[in-house]
Amino acid sequence: MNIVKIIGEDNTFIALILPQKYNENGLNFLTDSNHSLQLAYINNPVGHEISRHYHPKYTRVITETMECLVVKKGNVEVTFYDNYQNFISTYNIKSGDLVLFLNGGHSIKNIEKSELIEIRQGPYNQSMDKVKF
């Protein structure tokens, strides 16, 4: 099953849905290198090794808040909006699926009891990092 890219009318990359059944071999970066939150899918054979390494600290300038949502269990309906708060589309995201919010807006509605894991940049400022519309 392929990834789904949500694109706004102005060709802005709004979001990416990675279905649980996605299965490509090797290292596959699913986001552009200029996004401040990167997503890669890694599927290597037995015995493959990623060399030991660390990530040194350095100053980055991040101007947007991106989120990653993993549906651990259940089913949610995600509605996507562009950067102008216009409706784009709605998708059901089920157990094992992942959605990465890169731009625009979104809403999330439980279709059934669901357990979600959210990953986002921090530190998070509730008054500056979220605007409801």
Protein backbone atom coordinates (compact mmCIF):
# COMPACT_ATOMS: atom_id res chain seq x y z
CA MET A 1 0.00 0.00 0.00
CA ASN A 2 1.35 3.43 -0.94
CA ILE A 3 1.72 6.55 1.13
CA VAL A 4 -0.87 9.29 0.62
CA LYS A 5 0.30 12.86 0.18
CA ILE A 6 -2.24 15.58 0.97
CA ILE A 7 -1.51 18.58 -1.25
CA GLY A 8 -3.18 22.01 -1.02
CA GLU A 9 -4.49 23.95 -4.03
CA ASP A 10 -1.32 26.08 -4.03
CA ASN A 11 0.75 22.85 -4.25
CA THR A 12 1.70 23.04 -0.55
CA PHE A 13 2.56 19.68 1.05
CA ILE A 14 -0.08 19.59 3.82
CA ALA A 15 0.26 16.08 5.25
CA LEU A 16 1.39 12.54 4.66
CA ILE A 17 -0.42 9.33 5.59
CA LEU A 18 1.72 6.23 6.07
CA PRO A 19 -0.55 3.16 6.10
CA GLN A 20 0.28 0.28 8.41
CA LYS A 21 0.65 -1.98 5.35
CA TYR A 22 3.30 0.21 3.65
CA ASN A 23 6.29 -1.98 2.86
CA GLU A 24 9.30 -0.74 0.87
CA ASN A 25 12.81 -2.11 1.24
CA GLY A 26 15.74 -0.03 2.44
CA LEU A 27 15.83 3.52 3.76
CA ASN A 28 13.03 5.69 2.39
CA PHE A 29 12.76 9.34 3.40
CA LEU A 30 9.13 10.32 2.96
CA THR A 31 9.54 14.05 3.62
CA ASP A 32 11.59 16.67 1.84
CA SER A 33 14.96 17.49 3.38
CA ASN A 34 13.80 21.05 4.10
CA HIS A 35 10.99 20.04 6.49
CA SER A 36 11.74 20.68 10.15
CA LEU A 37 10.31 17.27 11.09
CA GLN A 38 11.65 14.39 9.02
CA LEU A 39 9.96 11.04 8.43
CA ALA A 40 11.75 7.97 7.13
CA TYR A 41 10.62 4.37 6.69
CA ILE A 42 13.37 1.83 7.27
CA ASN A 43 13.01 -1.82 6.21
CA ASN A 44 16.34 -3.64 6.24
CA PRO A 45 17.13 -7.38 6.18
CA VAL A 46 18.40 -9.43 9.11
CA GLY A 47 22.00 -8.57 9.88
CA HIS A 48 21.86 -5.05 8.43
CA GLU A 49 23.47 -2.60 10.81
CA ILE A 50 23.16 1.15 11.15
CA SER A 51 26.60 2.34 12.26
CA ARG A 52 26.86 3.71 15.77
CA HIS A 53 26.40 7.44 15.81
CA TYR A 54 25.01 10.37 17.76
CA HIS A 55 23.38 13.66 16.88
CA PRO A 56 25.34 16.70 18.11
CA LYS A 57 23.52 19.75 19.39
CA TYR A 58 23.49 22.89 17.31
CA THR A 59 21.17 25.86 16.92
CA ARG A 60 18.29 25.43 14.47
CA VAL A 61 15.64 27.95 13.53
CA ILE A 62 12.19 26.33 13.44
CA THR A 63 9.30 28.52 12.32
CA GLU A 64 6.45 26.01 12.26
CA THR A 65 4.96 23.34 14.49
CA MET A 66 4.62 19.95 12.85
CA GLU A 67 2.94 16.93 14.41
CA CYS A 68 3.06 13.21 13.86
CA LEU A 69 0.13 11.05 14.95
CA VAL A 70 0.27 7.26 15.24
CA VAL A 71 -2.95 5.34 15.76
CA LYS A 72 -1.88 2.66 18.22
CA LYS A 73 -5.39 1.23 18.42
CA GLY A 74 -8.74 2.22 16.94
CA ASN A 75 -9.97 4.36 14.08
CA VAL A 76 -10.03 8.15 13.71
CA GLU A 77 -11.32 10.46 11.02
CA VAL A 78 -8.82 13.16 10.08
CA THR A 79 -9.96 16.20 8.11
CA PHE A 80 -7.30 18.26 6.36
CA TYR A 81 -7.38 22.00 5.62
CA ASP A 82 -4.98 24.13 3.59
CA ASN A 83 -3.02 27.13 4.87
CA TYR A 84 -6.11 29.31 4.26
CA GLN A 85 -8.36 27.06 6.40
CA ASN A 86 -10.15 25.66 3.33
CA PHE A 87 -11.31 22.02 3.43
CA ILE A 88 -9.18 19.60 1.39
CA SER A 89 -10.22 16.04 2.29
CA THR A 90 -11.10 13.54 5.01
CA TYR A 91 -9.46 10.15 5.63
CA ASN A 92 -9.94 7.34 8.11
CA ILE A 93 -6.71 6.54 9.90
CA LYS A 94 -6.71 3.07 11.50
CA SER A 95 -4.60 1.00 13.89
CA GLY A 96 -0.95 1.05 12.83
CA ASP A 97 -1.34 4.00 10.47
CA LEU A 98 0.64 7.21 10.86
CA VAL A 99 -0.16 10.74 9.72
CA LEU A 100 2.39 13.56 9.58
CA PHE A 101 0.97 17.10 9.62
CA LEU A 102 3.37 19.44 7.80
CA ASN A 103 1.25 22.50 6.93
CA GLY A 104 -2.33 23.72 7.01
CA GLY A 105 -4.87 22.64 9.61
CA HIS A 106 -6.59 19.48 10.71
CA SER A 107 -9.24 18.03 12.95
CA ILE A 108 -9.39 14.57 14.47
CA LYS A 109 -12.58 12.70 15.40
CA ASN A 110 -12.69 9.28 17.04
CA ILE A 111 -14.74 6.84 14.96
CA GLU A 112 -14.22 4.24 17.70
CA LYS A 113 -12.36 4.21 21.00
CA SER A 114 -8.80 4.96 19.98
CA GLU A 115 -5.32 5.18 21.44
CA LEU A 116 -3.07 7.73 19.74
CA ILE A 117 0.60 8.63 20.01
CA GLU A 118 1.48 12.23 19.15
CA ILE A 119 4.99 13.45 18.37
CA ARG A 120 5.71 17.15 17.88
CA GLN A 121 8.45 19.71 18.26
CA GLY A 122 9.04 21.25 21.62
CA PRO A 123 9.10 23.10 23.78
CA TYR A 124 5.38 23.51 23.08
CA ASN A 125 3.67 26.84 23.80
CA GLN A 126 -0.11 26.30 24.10
CA SER A 127 -0.92 29.96 23.42
CA MET A 128 1.36 30.32 20.36
CA ASP A 129 1.47 26.85 18.79
CA LYS A 130 -2.26 26.22 18.30
CA VAL A 131 -4.95 28.42 16.73
CA LYS A 132 -8.49 27.05 16.58
CA PHE A 133 -10.71 27.96 13.62
